[in-house]
Protein backbone atom coordinates (compact mmCIF):
# COMPACT_ATOMS: atom_id res chain seq x y z
CA MET A 1 94.99 91.06 131.84
CA PRO A 2 94.32 88.91 128.74
CA MET A 3 96.93 89.14 126.04
CA ARG A 4 95.62 90.49 122.75
CA ILE A 5 96.81 88.87 119.56
CA ALA A 6 97.29 91.32 116.70
CA LEU A 7 96.49 89.69 113.39
CA PRO A 8 98.58 90.81 110.43
CA ALA A 9 96.90 93.24 108.05
CA LEU A 10 96.03 91.78 104.66
CA ASN A 11 96.35 93.86 101.54
CA LEU A 12 94.01 93.62 98.56
CA LYS A 13 96.19 91.06 96.74
CA ALA A 14 96.30 88.80 99.80
CA LYS A 15 92.54 89.10 100.32
CA LEU A 16 91.82 88.15 96.70
CA ILE A 17 94.21 85.16 96.90
CA ALA A 18 92.63 84.09 100.20
CA LEU A 19 89.13 84.40 98.68
CA MET A 20 90.13 82.27 95.67
CA MET A 21 91.78 79.65 97.90
CA VAL A 22 88.70 79.43 100.11
CA LEU A 23 86.39 79.08 97.11
CA LEU A 24 88.67 76.43 95.58
CA ALA A 25 88.82 74.52 98.86
CA LEU A 26 85.04 74.66 99.22
CA THR A 27 84.56 73.47 95.62
CA LEU A 28 86.99 70.56 95.96
CA GLY A 29 85.65 69.64 99.36
CA ALA A 30 82.07 69.66 98.11
CA GLU A 31 82.99 67.57 95.05
CA VAL A 32 84.84 64.97 97.13
CA PHE A 33 82.02 64.80 99.68
CA VAL A 34 79.29 64.38 97.06
CA SER A 35 81.40 61.86 95.11
CA LEU A 36 81.94 59.70 98.19
CA ARG A 37 78.25 59.83 99.04
CA ALA A 38 77.33 58.88 95.45
CA GLN A 39 79.78 55.94 95.45
CA GLU A 40 78.35 54.75 98.75
CA ALA A 41 74.79 54.95 97.39
CA ILE A 42 75.72 53.09 94.16
CA LEU A 43 77.50 50.36 96.15
CA LYS A 44 74.53 49.96 98.46
CA THR A 45 72.09 49.82 95.53
CA THR A 46 74.27 47.28 93.72
CA GLN A 47 74.49 45.03 96.75
CA THR A 48 70.73 45.15 97.23
CA LYS A 49 69.99 44.40 93.55
CA VAL A 50 72.46 41.50 93.41
CA ARG A 51 70.97 39.99 96.55
CA ASP A 52 67.43 40.32 95.21
CA LEU A 53 68.42 38.92 91.82
CA ALA A 54 70.14 35.96 93.43
CA SER A 55 67.02 35.19 95.45
CA VAL A 56 64.80 35.39 92.36
CA ILE A 57 67.10 33.06 90.40
CA GLN A 58 67.13 30.62 93.31
CA ILE A 59 63.34 30.51 93.41
CA SER A 60 63.16 30.04 89.63
CA VAL A 61 65.72 27.19 89.57
CA GLN A 62 63.94 25.43 92.44
CA GLU A 63 60.67 25.58 90.54
CA LEU A 64 62.21 24.12 87.37
CA THR A 65 64.16 21.36 89.07
CA SER A 66 61.76 20.41 91.82
CA VAL A 67 60.04 17.05 91.45
CA ALA A 68 57.46 17.79 94.10
CA PRO A 69 54.71 20.34 93.48
CA THR A 70 55.71 23.95 94.15
CA ASP A 71 53.90 27.15 95.07
CA ARG A 72 53.45 28.88 91.73
CA ASN A 73 52.62 32.18 93.46
CA GLN A 74 55.89 32.23 95.38
CA LEU A 75 57.75 33.92 92.53
CA GLN A 76 55.08 36.56 92.01
CA ASP A 77 54.78 37.30 95.73
CA TYR A 78 58.52 37.64 96.18
CA VAL A 79 59.01 39.99 93.23
CA LYS A 80 56.03 42.04 94.34
CA LYS A 81 57.46 42.24 97.85
CA LEU A 82 60.71 43.63 96.45
CA ASP A 83 58.79 46.60 95.03
CA ALA A 84 61.28 46.71 92.14
CA ARG A 85 59.82 48.57 89.20
CA GLY A 86 62.39 47.31 86.70
CA LEU A 87 62.55 43.59 87.63
CA GLU A 88 60.46 41.01 85.82
CA VAL A 89 61.20 37.26 86.14
CA SER A 90 59.76 34.52 83.94
CA ILE A 91 60.38 30.74 83.84
CA ALA A 92 60.37 29.20 80.35
CA SER A 93 60.38 25.50 79.49
CA ASN A 94 62.67 23.89 76.97
CA GLN A 95 59.77 24.28 74.54
CA ASP A 96 60.08 28.07 74.79
CA LEU A 97 56.80 28.39 76.71
CA ILE A 98 56.53 30.57 79.79
CA ILE A 99 55.26 28.35 82.57
CA ASN A 100 55.44 30.90 85.39
CA SER A 101 56.17 34.64 85.64
CA SER A 102 56.08 37.55 88.07
CA ASN A 103 53.81 39.08 85.42
CA PRO A 104 50.73 36.83 85.35
CA LYS A 105 49.84 38.04 81.83
CA LEU A 106 52.89 36.28 80.39
CA ILE A 107 52.07 32.78 81.80
CA GLY A 108 51.34 30.39 78.95
CA ALA A 109 52.77 32.68 76.29
CA SER A 110 55.67 31.78 74.03
CA LEU A 111 59.01 33.47 74.20
CA ASN A 112 59.57 36.42 71.91
CA PRO A 113 60.85 35.01 68.54
CA ALA A 114 63.51 37.71 68.48
CA ALA A 115 64.56 36.56 71.95
CA VAL A 116 64.77 32.93 70.75
CA ARG A 117 66.93 33.85 67.74
CA ALA A 118 69.21 36.03 69.89
CA LEU A 119 69.37 33.26 72.46
CA MET A 120 70.40 30.66 69.92
CA GLU A 121 73.07 32.90 68.43
CA LEU A 122 74.57 33.93 71.75
CA ARG A 123 74.23 30.51 73.44
CA SER A 124 76.46 28.92 70.84
CA ALA A 125 79.29 31.11 72.12
CA ALA A 126 78.61 30.27 75.77
CA PRO A 127 76.47 27.13 75.94
CA HIS A 128 76.45 26.82 79.75
CA GLY A 129 76.50 30.48 80.80
CA PRO A 130 73.81 33.12 81.09
CA VAL A 131 72.98 35.09 77.96
CA ALA A 132 72.37 38.86 78.07
CA VAL A 133 70.22 40.42 75.36
CA PRO A 134 69.81 44.23 75.20
CA GLY A 135 66.24 45.31 75.76
CA ALA A 136 66.15 47.31 72.53
CA ILE A 137 66.51 44.05 70.46
CA LEU A 138 63.49 42.55 72.18
CA GLY A 139 61.41 45.73 71.91
CA VAL A 140 61.52 46.52 75.66
CA PRO A 141 60.59 50.25 75.96
CA ALA A 142 63.06 51.14 78.69
CA ARG A 143 66.45 51.68 77.07
CA GLU A 144 68.29 50.89 80.35
CA SER A 145 66.75 47.37 80.40
CA THR A 146 68.63 44.17 79.70
CA VAL A 147 67.08 40.69 79.42
CA TYR A 148 69.09 37.80 80.89
CA PHE A 149 68.44 34.19 79.84
CA ILE A 150 69.88 31.73 82.35
CA PRO A 151 69.76 28.10 81.13
CA VAL A 152 68.90 25.48 83.72
CA GLU A 153 70.55 22.15 82.93
CA VAL A 154 70.72 18.92 84.78
CA GLU A 155 73.30 16.40 83.48
CA ASP A 156 73.50 18.18 80.13
CA HIS A 157 69.75 18.07 79.84
CA LEU A 158 68.18 21.52 79.27
CA LEU A 159 65.16 21.90 81.52
CA GLY A 160 64.36 25.45 80.59
CA TYR A 161 65.32 29.06 81.08
CA VAL A 162 65.06 31.70 83.72
CA GLN A 163 64.31 35.01 81.96
CA VAL A 164 65.16 38.12 84.00
CA ALA A 165 64.27 41.54 82.57
CA ALA A 166 66.20 44.09 84.67
CA ASN A 167 65.89 47.87 84.36
CA PHE A 168 69.08 49.67 85.50
CA SER A 169 67.42 53.03 86.04
CA ASP A 170 67.70 52.42 89.79
CA PHE A 171 71.47 52.30 89.36
CA ASP A 172 71.40 55.57 87.41
CA GLN A 173 69.43 57.42 90.09
CA PRO A 174 72.43 57.86 92.46
CA LEU A 175 74.42 59.26 89.53
CA ARG A 176 71.64 61.73 88.76
CA ASP A 177 71.45 62.67 92.42
CA TYR A 178 75.23 63.09 92.43
CA ARG A 179 75.15 65.41 89.43
CA MET A 180 72.26 67.43 90.87
CA ARG A 181 73.92 67.82 94.26
CA LEU A 182 77.22 68.75 92.65
CA LEU A 183 75.46 71.36 90.50
CA SER A 184 73.59 72.75 93.52
CA LEU A 185 76.72 72.95 95.62
CA GLY A 186 78.61 74.57 92.73
CA LEU A 187 75.88 77.20 92.36
CA GLY A 188 75.82 77.74 96.12
CA ILE A 189 79.58 78.17 96.32
CA PHE A 190 79.45 80.51 93.31
CA ALA A 191 76.74 82.58 95.03
CA VAL A 192 78.77 82.73 98.26
CA GLY A 193 81.88 83.76 96.32
CA LEU A 194 79.88 86.38 94.43
CA ALA A 195 78.53 87.77 97.70
CA PHE A 196 81.99 87.91 99.25
CA ALA A 197 83.40 89.52 96.10
CA TYR A 198 80.60 92.11 96.15
CA VAL A 199 81.19 92.94 99.82
CA LEU A 200 84.95 93.14 99.23
CA ALA A 201 84.42 95.38 96.18
CA GLU A 202 82.05 97.65 98.12
CA ARG A 203 84.55 98.00 100.96
CA TYR A 204 87.20 99.08 98.47
CA VAL A 205 85.16 101.00 95.91
CA GLU A 206 83.20 103.24 98.30
CA PRO A 207 86.28 104.87 99.94
CA ILE A 208 87.93 105.19 96.53
CA HIS A 209 84.83 106.98 95.20
CA ALA A 210 84.87 109.29 98.24
CA VAL A 211 88.53 110.19 97.62
CA ALA A 212 87.91 110.66 93.87
CA ASP A 213 84.85 112.84 94.54
CA ALA A 214 86.76 114.96 97.06
CA ALA A 215 89.67 115.35 94.63
CA GLN A 216 87.36 116.34 91.75
CA ASN A 217 85.47 118.89 93.84
CA ILE A 218 88.43 120.67 95.44
CA ALA A 219 87.69 123.75 93.34
CA ALA A 220 84.02 123.81 94.37
CA ARG A 221 84.14 122.66 98.01
CA GLY A 222 87.70 123.47 98.96
CA LEU A 223 90.21 121.24 100.69
CA GLU A 224 87.79 118.97 102.54
CA PRO A 225 89.09 115.72 104.08
CA VAL A 226 87.30 112.45 103.48
CA PRO A 227 86.03 110.19 106.29
CA GLU A 228 89.08 108.22 107.30
CA ALA A 229 88.75 104.45 106.93
CA ARG A 230 90.15 102.85 110.07
CA ARG A 231 91.76 100.01 108.15
CA ARG A 232 95.27 98.68 107.79
CA ASP A 233 95.12 97.90 104.09
CA GLU A 234 95.62 99.99 100.93
CA ILE A 235 92.31 101.83 101.37
CA GLY A 236 93.19 102.95 104.89
CA LEU A 237 96.61 104.07 103.64
CA LEU A 238 94.95 105.90 100.70
CA THR A 239 92.46 107.83 102.86
CA ARG A 240 95.09 108.70 105.46
CA SER A 241 97.51 109.86 102.76
CA PHE A 242 94.78 111.93 101.08
CA ASN A 243 93.79 113.58 104.36
CA GLU A 244 97.45 114.28 105.18
CA MET A 245 97.86 115.81 101.73
CA VAL A 246 94.74 117.95 102.28
CA ALA A 247 96.04 119.06 105.69
CA GLN A 248 99.43 119.97 104.20
CA LEU A 249 97.76 121.88 101.35
CA ARG A 250 95.60 123.71 103.88
CA ARG A 251 98.61 124.67 105.94
CA ALA A 252 100.46 125.74 102.79
CA ARG A 253 97.49 127.83 101.67
CA GLU A 254 97.14 129.39 105.11
CA ARG A 255 100.86 130.19 105.16
CA GLU A 256 100.61 131.68 101.69
CA GLN A 257 97.62 133.79 102.70
CA GLU A 258 99.39 134.88 105.86
CA LEU A 259 102.51 135.82 103.91
CA ASN A 260 100.43 137.78 101.42
CA ARG A 261 98.65 139.52 104.26
CA LEU A 262 101.91 140.32 106.01
CA GLU A 263 103.42 141.65 102.79
CA ARG A 264 100.38 143.83 102.24
CA PHE A 265 100.35 144.97 105.83
CA THR A 266 104.07 145.71 105.75
CA ALA A 267 103.73 147.83 102.62
CA LEU A 268 100.76 149.67 104.08
CA GLY A 269 102.57 150.08 107.38
CA GLN A 270 105.61 151.58 105.71
CA LEU A 271 103.41 153.97 103.75
CA ALA A 272 101.33 154.82 106.82
CA GLY A 273 104.44 155.41 108.94
CA ALA A 274 106.00 157.67 106.35
CA LEU A 275 102.81 159.72 105.99
CA ALA A 276 102.34 159.87 109.75
CA HIS A 277 105.83 161.25 110.29
CA GLU A 278 105.22 163.86 107.63
CA ILE A 279 101.89 164.89 109.16
CA LYS A 280 102.70 164.72 112.88
CA ASN A 281 105.21 167.56 112.99
CA PRO A 282 102.94 170.10 111.26
CA LEU A 283 100.10 169.09 113.59
CA ASN A 284 102.30 169.78 116.60
CA PHE A 285 103.13 173.23 115.26
CA ILE A 286 99.45 173.90 114.57
CA SER A 287 98.50 172.83 118.08
CA LEU A 288 101.16 175.07 119.62
CA ALA A 289 100.06 177.98 117.41
CA LEU A 290 96.46 177.58 118.50
CA ASP A 291 97.54 177.58 122.17
CA ARG A 292 99.49 180.81 121.56
CA LEU A 293 96.55 182.47 119.77
CA ARG A 294 94.22 181.56 122.60
CA THR A 295 96.62 182.81 125.28
CA ARG A 296 97.72 186.03 123.53
CA TYR A 297 94.60 187.31 121.79
CA GLY A 298 91.79 185.81 123.83
CA PRO A 299 91.98 188.28 126.73
CA LEU A 300 92.33 191.27 124.35
CA LEU A 301 88.98 190.76 122.62
CA PRO A 302 86.25 192.87 124.28
CA ARG A 303 83.53 191.34 122.12
CA GLY A 304 83.21 187.86 120.68
CA ARG A 305 85.71 186.47 123.13
CA ASP A 306 83.65 183.35 123.87
CA GLU A 307 83.05 182.61 120.19
CA TYR A 308 86.78 183.06 119.54
CA LEU A 309 87.74 180.67 122.31
CA GLY A 310 85.10 178.19 121.14
CA GLN A 311 86.48 178.15 117.63
CA ILE A 312 89.98 177.70 119.02
CA ALA A 313 88.73 174.76 121.12
CA ILE A 314 87.07 173.17 118.06
CA MET A 315 90.30 173.46 116.07
CA LYS A 316 92.27 171.98 119.00
CA ASP A 317 89.88 169.00 119.13
CA GLU A 318 90.26 168.39 115.42
CA VAL A 319 94.02 168.63 115.69
CA ARG A 320 93.94 166.18 118.60
CA ARG A 321 91.76 163.79 116.60
CA LEU A 322 94.15 163.99 113.68
CA SER A 323 97.08 163.46 116.04
CA ASP A 324 95.46 160.34 117.50
CA MET A 325 94.83 159.05 114.00
CA VAL A 326 98.46 159.69 113.10
CA GLN A 327 99.56 157.89 116.26
CA THR A 328 97.44 154.92 115.22
CA PHE A 329 99.16 154.87 111.84
CA LEU A 330 102.53 154.92 113.58
CA HIS A 331 101.59 151.89 115.63
CA TYR A 332 100.44 150.00 112.54
CA GLY A 333 102.89 147.34 111.45
CA GLN A 334 104.85 147.45 114.72
CA PRO A 335 104.90 144.42 117.05
CA ILE A 336 102.59 144.78 120.03
CA GLU A 337 104.19 144.55 123.46
CA ILE A 338 102.07 143.73 126.50
CA HIS A 339 102.77 144.03 130.20
CA PRO A 340 100.31 141.74 132.00
CA ALA A 341 99.23 142.42 135.56
CA PRO A 342 96.30 141.25 137.73
CA THR A 343 93.23 143.10 136.45
CA ASP A 344 89.52 142.97 137.24
CA LEU A 345 87.92 142.99 133.79
CA ARG A 346 84.51 143.90 135.18
CA LYS A 347 85.86 147.04 136.79
CA LEU A 348 87.80 147.79 133.62
CA ILE A 349 84.61 147.57 131.54
CA ASP A 350 82.71 149.65 134.10
CA GLY A 351 85.32 152.35 133.61
CA VAL A 352 84.88 152.21 129.83
CA ILE A 353 81.08 152.45 130.23
CA ALA A 354 81.54 155.45 132.58
CA LEU A 355 83.60 157.28 129.95
CA SER A 356 80.72 156.92 127.47
CA ASP A 357 77.97 157.54 130.02
CA SER A 358 76.89 160.93 128.60
CA LYS A 359 76.73 159.55 125.05
CA LEU A 360 74.77 156.50 126.21
CA LYS A 361 72.21 158.60 128.05
CA SER A 362 71.81 161.12 125.23
CA GLN A 363 70.99 158.30 122.78
CA GLY A 364 68.75 156.41 125.23
CA ILE A 365 70.93 153.30 125.43
CA GLU A 366 70.50 151.06 128.46
CA VAL A 367 73.46 149.06 129.78
CA SER A 368 73.22 145.78 131.72
CA GLU A 369 75.76 143.25 132.95
CA GLU A 370 75.37 139.50 133.50
CA ALA A 371 78.31 138.24 135.53
CA GLY A 372 76.96 135.24 137.42
CA ALA A 373 79.47 133.51 139.69
CA ALA A 374 82.36 133.65 137.24
CA PRO A 375 85.50 135.38 138.64
CA THR A 376 86.47 138.38 136.52
CA ALA A 377 90.10 138.84 137.61
CA LEU A 378 92.69 138.00 134.97
CA ASN A 379 96.39 138.61 134.37
CA VAL A 380 96.29 140.97 131.33
CA ASP A 381 97.66 144.26 130.08
CA ALA A 382 94.88 146.52 131.35
CA GLU A 383 95.62 149.49 129.07
CA LYS A 384 95.77 147.37 125.91
CA VAL A 385 92.62 145.41 126.76
CA ARG A 386 90.86 148.65 127.72
CA THR A 387 91.56 149.93 124.17
CA CYS A 388 89.80 146.86 122.75
CA PHE A 389 86.74 147.38 124.95
CA VAL A 390 86.62 151.12 124.08
CA ASN A 391 86.52 150.25 120.36
CA VAL A 392 83.70 147.75 120.84
CA VAL A 393 81.59 150.05 123.04
CA ALA A 394 82.11 152.95 120.59
CA ASN A 395 80.96 150.74 117.70
CA ALA A 396 77.90 149.62 119.68
CA ILE A 397 76.94 153.24 120.45
CA GLN A 398 77.29 154.18 116.77
CA ALA A 399 75.09 151.21 115.80
CA MET A 400 72.21 152.41 118.07
CA PRO A 401 71.60 156.10 117.22
CA ASP A 402 67.92 155.79 118.19
CA GLY A 403 68.47 153.95 121.44
CA GLY A 404 68.67 150.32 122.40
CA ARG A 405 70.31 147.99 124.86
CA LEU A 406 73.95 147.04 125.43
CA THR A 407 74.45 143.82 127.39
CA VAL A 408 77.81 142.68 128.75
CA ARG A 409 78.06 139.00 129.73
CA PHE A 410 80.83 137.31 131.67
CA ALA A 411 81.27 133.51 131.69
CA GLN A 412 83.85 130.78 132.10
CA HIS A 413 83.82 127.60 129.98
CA ASP A 414 86.40 124.87 129.27
CA GLY A 415 89.26 126.83 130.83
CA ARG A 416 88.42 130.01 128.90
CA PHE A 417 87.14 133.33 130.25
CA ILE A 418 84.47 134.85 127.99
CA VAL A 419 83.33 138.47 127.69
CA ALA A 420 80.50 139.16 125.23
CA PHE A 421 79.15 142.58 124.19
CA SER A 422 75.67 142.33 122.67
CA ASP A 423 73.78 145.31 121.23
CA THR A 424 70.36 145.74 119.63
CA GLY A 425 71.50 147.90 116.74
CA LYS A 426 71.07 147.36 113.03
CA GLY A 427 73.32 144.30 113.10
CA ILE A 428 76.06 143.14 110.78
CA GLU A 429 75.96 141.10 107.60
CA PRO A 430 77.83 137.77 107.69
CA GLN A 431 79.78 138.83 104.59
CA VAL A 432 80.91 142.01 106.36
CA ALA A 433 81.79 140.10 109.55
CA GLU A 434 84.37 138.09 107.59
CA HIS A 435 86.38 141.25 106.81
CA VAL A 436 85.97 143.53 109.86
CA PHE A 437 89.34 142.45 111.30
CA GLU A 438 91.24 143.38 108.14
CA PRO A 439 93.20 146.65 108.27
CA PHE A 440 91.57 149.72 106.73
CA PHE A 441 88.24 147.92 106.27
CA THR A 442 85.34 149.97 107.56
CA THR A 443 81.68 150.62 106.78
CA LYS A 444 81.66 154.00 108.56
CA ARG A 445 82.42 157.29 106.86
CA GLU A 446 84.47 158.64 109.75
CA GLY A 447 86.46 155.48 110.53
CA ILE A 448 89.84 154.34 109.22
CA GLY A 449 89.32 150.59 109.82
CA LEU A 450 92.11 149.90 112.31
CA GLY A 451 90.22 149.64 115.59
CA LEU A 452 89.13 145.99 115.36
CA PHE A 453 92.38 145.11 113.58
CA PHE A 454 94.41 146.29 116.58
CA SER A 455 91.87 144.72 118.97
CA ARG A 456 92.38 141.29 117.44
CA ALA A 457 96.16 141.69 117.53
CA ILE A 458 96.02 142.63 121.22
CA VAL A 459 93.69 139.77 122.15
CA GLU A 460 95.74 137.20 120.24
CA LYS A 461 98.85 138.48 121.98
CA HIS A 462 97.09 137.54 125.22
CA GLY A 463 96.43 134.02 123.85
CA GLY A 464 92.75 134.77 123.29
CA THR A 465 90.30 135.23 120.43
CA ILE A 466 87.78 137.83 119.28
CA ALA A 467 84.75 137.12 117.09
CA ILE A 468 81.89 139.19 115.72
CA ALA A 469 78.57 137.85 114.45
CA PRO A 470 74.88 138.79 114.13
CA ASN A 471 72.77 138.37 117.25
CA ASP A 472 70.76 135.18 117.55
CA PRO A 473 67.92 136.04 117.69
CA PRO A 474 68.29 139.38 115.86
CA PRO A 475 68.52 142.32 115.82
CA GLY A 476 71.99 143.49 116.72
CA THR A 477 75.55 142.30 116.88
CA VAL A 478 77.54 140.32 119.43
CA VAL A 479 81.30 140.68 119.89
CA THR A 480 82.87 137.85 121.92
CA PHE A 481 86.28 137.97 123.61
CA THR A 482 87.89 134.83 125.03
CA PHE A 483 90.99 134.76 127.25
CA PRO A 484 92.83 131.94 129.01
CA ALA A 485 91.18 131.53 132.40
CA GLY A 486 94.45 132.36 134.18
CA GLY A 487 95.33 135.19 131.83
CA VAL A 488 98.69 135.54 130.17
CA GLN A 489 101.87 134.96 132.16
CA LYS A 490 104.70 137.45 132.26
CA ALA A 491 107.56 136.72 129.94
């Protein structure tokens, strides 16, 4: 297995220093490289010009000192062969007449009077050496030109001059090339540095903007985390710290909401328990009194006996309903205890459906089940779970007064057992669905709003969940229970 080398993480300061060092190294390297190339070009040009100039002087001296006839076109042909724009060679006699020249137009002409005066003045300082006269004095248009007068003497006898007009623009060309290349490389390195700086700024600014935007919009969008930058620098630390802060604030808010809910529920539970105790005893006495009235006076009535017993039965039912409601209040706020045992949920639901069979038929509600191959046996508290299913079926029946269809689906997914009750009633608004599990919240005139509250508490005690939402597609409502596939284990 190849060994992986973990490079150290660079912070922003180190990255900026590294970027500046790289740019500085590139700049210095480019300057040194171009400078060396320019020096090499200047040296090569100088060597070539000196060699050519030496050859021209040699030809000129030979022509002045030769006794035998010479080829007068040799000088012109050689200079032309050099293809040197700034080199013009002329041979002048001691009478200041040009007897041969690389420029045929100058043959036979006299030397420039200004050149003669300059020559006489400068030659007195160096009678045997070459004399250099700036081109500007002689009216040469190119300012880089210099005219050299080289006296040719034999035994102190002046035979003439070799006049060389040299233009040094060829020497300046490598310097111009050097400056242009240096400028181009500088601009290129600047552009590369600018691009790297832009990319580096984008990598840092974009996550910072995301964090700033999320922080500014907490009130509008809530505690939303930002996409975490998988980096080991300050930006990665910033996004991770912000998301950890958001997670902690979320947990703190959830704990605060839960504490507020528990405080509210506790207060309501204490009130409900006190009222229930005060109401339960009178209801028991009323129920016993009704039983005594039915037993003692029912047989003694010759007429209206059935109506009398019917009214007694109605009062007994109302007392029983009130007693069940009081019992519900007594259970509110108390911890729920479950006693799990192997239970077939499908049979349990079939029993709940059978209890409501007459109501279902009278309202024209059809019931269907979709079980598939999913096993329906779980380890749950059958009586507690049955109470949850009774509440859901009762709500579905109340939602379909003019008939409809109630579908029960069983499924198993990702280690969870799912039971879904779907009706075709009037449905539920999403805003209402958010509050149906709160205690004492109800949209029905005859309800007290504790059925789904207790159902959720029971299901969560089993390690499951319960959710309610509009049908997709509508109409109707779907209530979904999920339980661990193996059920809850005994404590």
